[in-house]
Amino acid sequence: MTAAHKRTYSRYAMEALGLFGKTIRLGRMQHRLTAQELAERIGVSRSTLQRIEKGDPKVEIGLMFEAAAIVGVKLFDADGKGITALTGRMDDRIALLPKHVYKAGKQIVDEF
């Protein structure tokens, strides 16, 4: 049996997660919610909320987004219509790209 591989994260990712967690904490405090109240609204334990607010990368992203939505942190747009429109635009852009990504095989020299 092999030992569990410890995942490492880039400094940028860790700083972004930390910022996101602090933004959620600020939103919670501005809405005058206790940690226990927000944890109950998300459906997690208080210790999980503490991990969210610290930017722990092992917390499910869905939980982080739910916490952000509850305390009013804007993720992509201020309302659901904006997110729906942005999702539609992304779908359109993705549809224009090839369905699969292939690594370049043989290098073609086209200098004549």
Protein backbone atom coordinates (compact mmCIF):
# COMPACT_ATOMS: atom_id res chain seq x y z
CA MET A 1 0.00 0.00 0.00
CA THR A 2 1.38 3.41 -0.94
CA ALA A 3 1.39 6.48 1.22
CA ALA A 4 -1.08 9.23 0.37
CA HIS A 5 0.39 11.84 -1.96
CA LYS A 6 0.49 15.29 -0.38
CA ARG A 7 -0.88 17.79 -2.88
CA THR A 8 0.94 21.05 -3.27
CA TYR A 9 -0.61 24.29 -4.50
CA SER A 10 0.97 27.29 -6.16
CA ARG A 11 1.52 30.43 -4.14
CA TYR A 12 -0.98 32.24 -6.38
CA ALA A 13 -3.69 29.65 -5.71
CA MET A 14 -3.07 29.75 -1.95
CA GLU A 15 -3.17 33.56 -1.87
CA ALA A 16 -6.38 33.60 -3.95
CA LEU A 17 -8.01 31.07 -1.62
CA GLY A 18 -6.91 33.07 1.41
CA LEU A 19 -8.35 36.24 -0.08
CA PHE A 20 -11.60 34.46 -0.93
CA GLY A 21 -11.87 33.13 2.62
CA LYS A 22 -11.23 36.56 4.13
CA THR A 23 -13.83 38.08 1.82
CA ILE A 24 -16.36 35.52 3.05
CA ARG A 25 -15.45 36.29 6.68
CA LEU A 26 -15.81 40.03 6.07
CA GLY A 27 -19.22 39.46 4.45
CA ARG A 28 -20.31 37.34 7.42
CA MET A 29 -19.25 40.02 9.88
CA GLN A 30 -20.89 42.81 7.84
CA HIS A 31 -24.14 40.82 7.88
CA ARG A 32 -23.71 40.36 11.64
CA LEU A 33 -23.83 36.59 11.42
CA THR A 34 -22.01 34.46 13.96
CA ALA A 35 -19.84 31.65 12.70
CA GLN A 36 -22.36 29.16 14.08
CA GLU A 37 -25.28 30.88 12.30
CA LEU A 38 -23.52 30.87 8.93
CA ALA A 39 -22.35 27.30 9.37
CA GLU A 40 -25.95 26.21 10.02
CA ARG A 41 -27.19 28.07 6.94
CA ILE A 42 -24.55 26.37 4.79
CA GLY A 43 -25.20 23.02 6.45
CA VAL A 44 -21.67 22.44 7.75
CA SER A 45 -19.92 22.34 11.08
CA ARG A 46 -18.40 25.45 12.60
CA SER A 47 -14.93 23.98 12.09
CA THR A 48 -15.61 23.58 8.35
CA LEU A 49 -16.68 27.22 8.20
CA GLN A 50 -13.43 28.16 9.92
CA ARG A 51 -11.56 26.24 7.20
CA ILE A 52 -13.57 28.10 4.53
CA GLU A 53 -12.68 31.45 6.08
CA LYS A 54 -8.99 30.47 6.23
CA GLY A 55 -9.01 29.49 2.54
CA ASP A 56 -8.31 25.79 3.06
CA PRO A 57 -7.90 24.29 -0.44
CA LYS A 58 -9.38 20.96 0.65
CA VAL A 59 -12.82 22.44 1.33
CA GLU A 60 -15.29 21.71 -1.46
CA ILE A 61 -15.59 24.63 -3.83
CA GLY A 62 -19.37 24.32 -3.73
CA LEU A 63 -19.33 25.01 0.00
CA MET A 64 -17.13 28.05 -0.50
CA PHE A 65 -19.43 29.38 -3.23
CA GLU A 66 -22.49 28.75 -1.07
CA ALA A 67 -20.94 30.63 1.86
CA ALA A 68 -20.05 33.50 -0.48
CA ALA A 69 -23.56 33.63 -1.91
CA ILE A 70 -25.16 33.70 1.55
CA VAL A 71 -23.03 36.61 2.79
CA GLY A 72 -23.37 38.56 -0.47
CA VAL A 73 -19.92 38.15 -2.00
CA LYS A 74 -20.19 38.76 -5.75
CA LEU A 75 -18.70 35.86 -7.65
CA PHE A 76 -19.20 36.58 -11.34
CA ASP A 77 -22.08 39.00 -11.55
CA ALA A 78 -24.53 40.66 -9.25
CA ASP A 79 -27.58 38.64 -10.30
CA GLY A 80 -28.61 35.29 -11.69
CA LYS A 81 -29.45 36.71 -15.12
CA GLY A 82 -25.89 37.93 -15.57
CA ILE A 83 -24.47 34.52 -14.67
CA THR A 84 -26.89 32.83 -17.07
CA ALA A 85 -25.86 35.17 -19.88
CA LEU A 86 -22.16 34.64 -19.13
CA THR A 87 -22.68 30.87 -19.09
CA GLY A 88 -24.37 31.08 -22.51
CA ARG A 89 -21.47 33.08 -23.93
CA MET A 90 -18.97 30.56 -22.59
CA ASP A 91 -20.97 27.70 -24.14
CA ASP A 92 -20.90 29.55 -27.49
CA ARG A 93 -17.14 30.05 -27.31
CA ILE A 94 -16.51 26.42 -26.32
CA ALA A 95 -18.68 25.24 -29.23
CA LEU A 96 -16.34 27.00 -31.67
CA LEU A 97 -13.30 25.07 -30.42
CA PRO A 98 -12.35 21.51 -31.38
CA LYS A 99 -13.97 18.85 -29.19
CA HIS A 100 -10.62 17.32 -28.27
CA VAL A 101 -7.20 18.74 -27.59
CA TYR A 102 -4.33 16.88 -29.19
CA LYS A 103 -0.65 17.31 -28.56
CA ALA A 104 1.30 18.36 -31.59
CA GLY A 105 2.82 15.30 -33.14
CA LYS A 106 5.24 15.71 -35.96
CA GLN A 107 6.56 19.23 -36.45
CA ILE A 108 5.72 20.47 -39.95
CA VAL A 109 8.34 22.59 -41.66
CA ASP A 110 6.67 24.86 -44.14
CA GLU A 111 9.61 27.05 -45.07
CA PHE A 112 10.23 26.53 -48.80
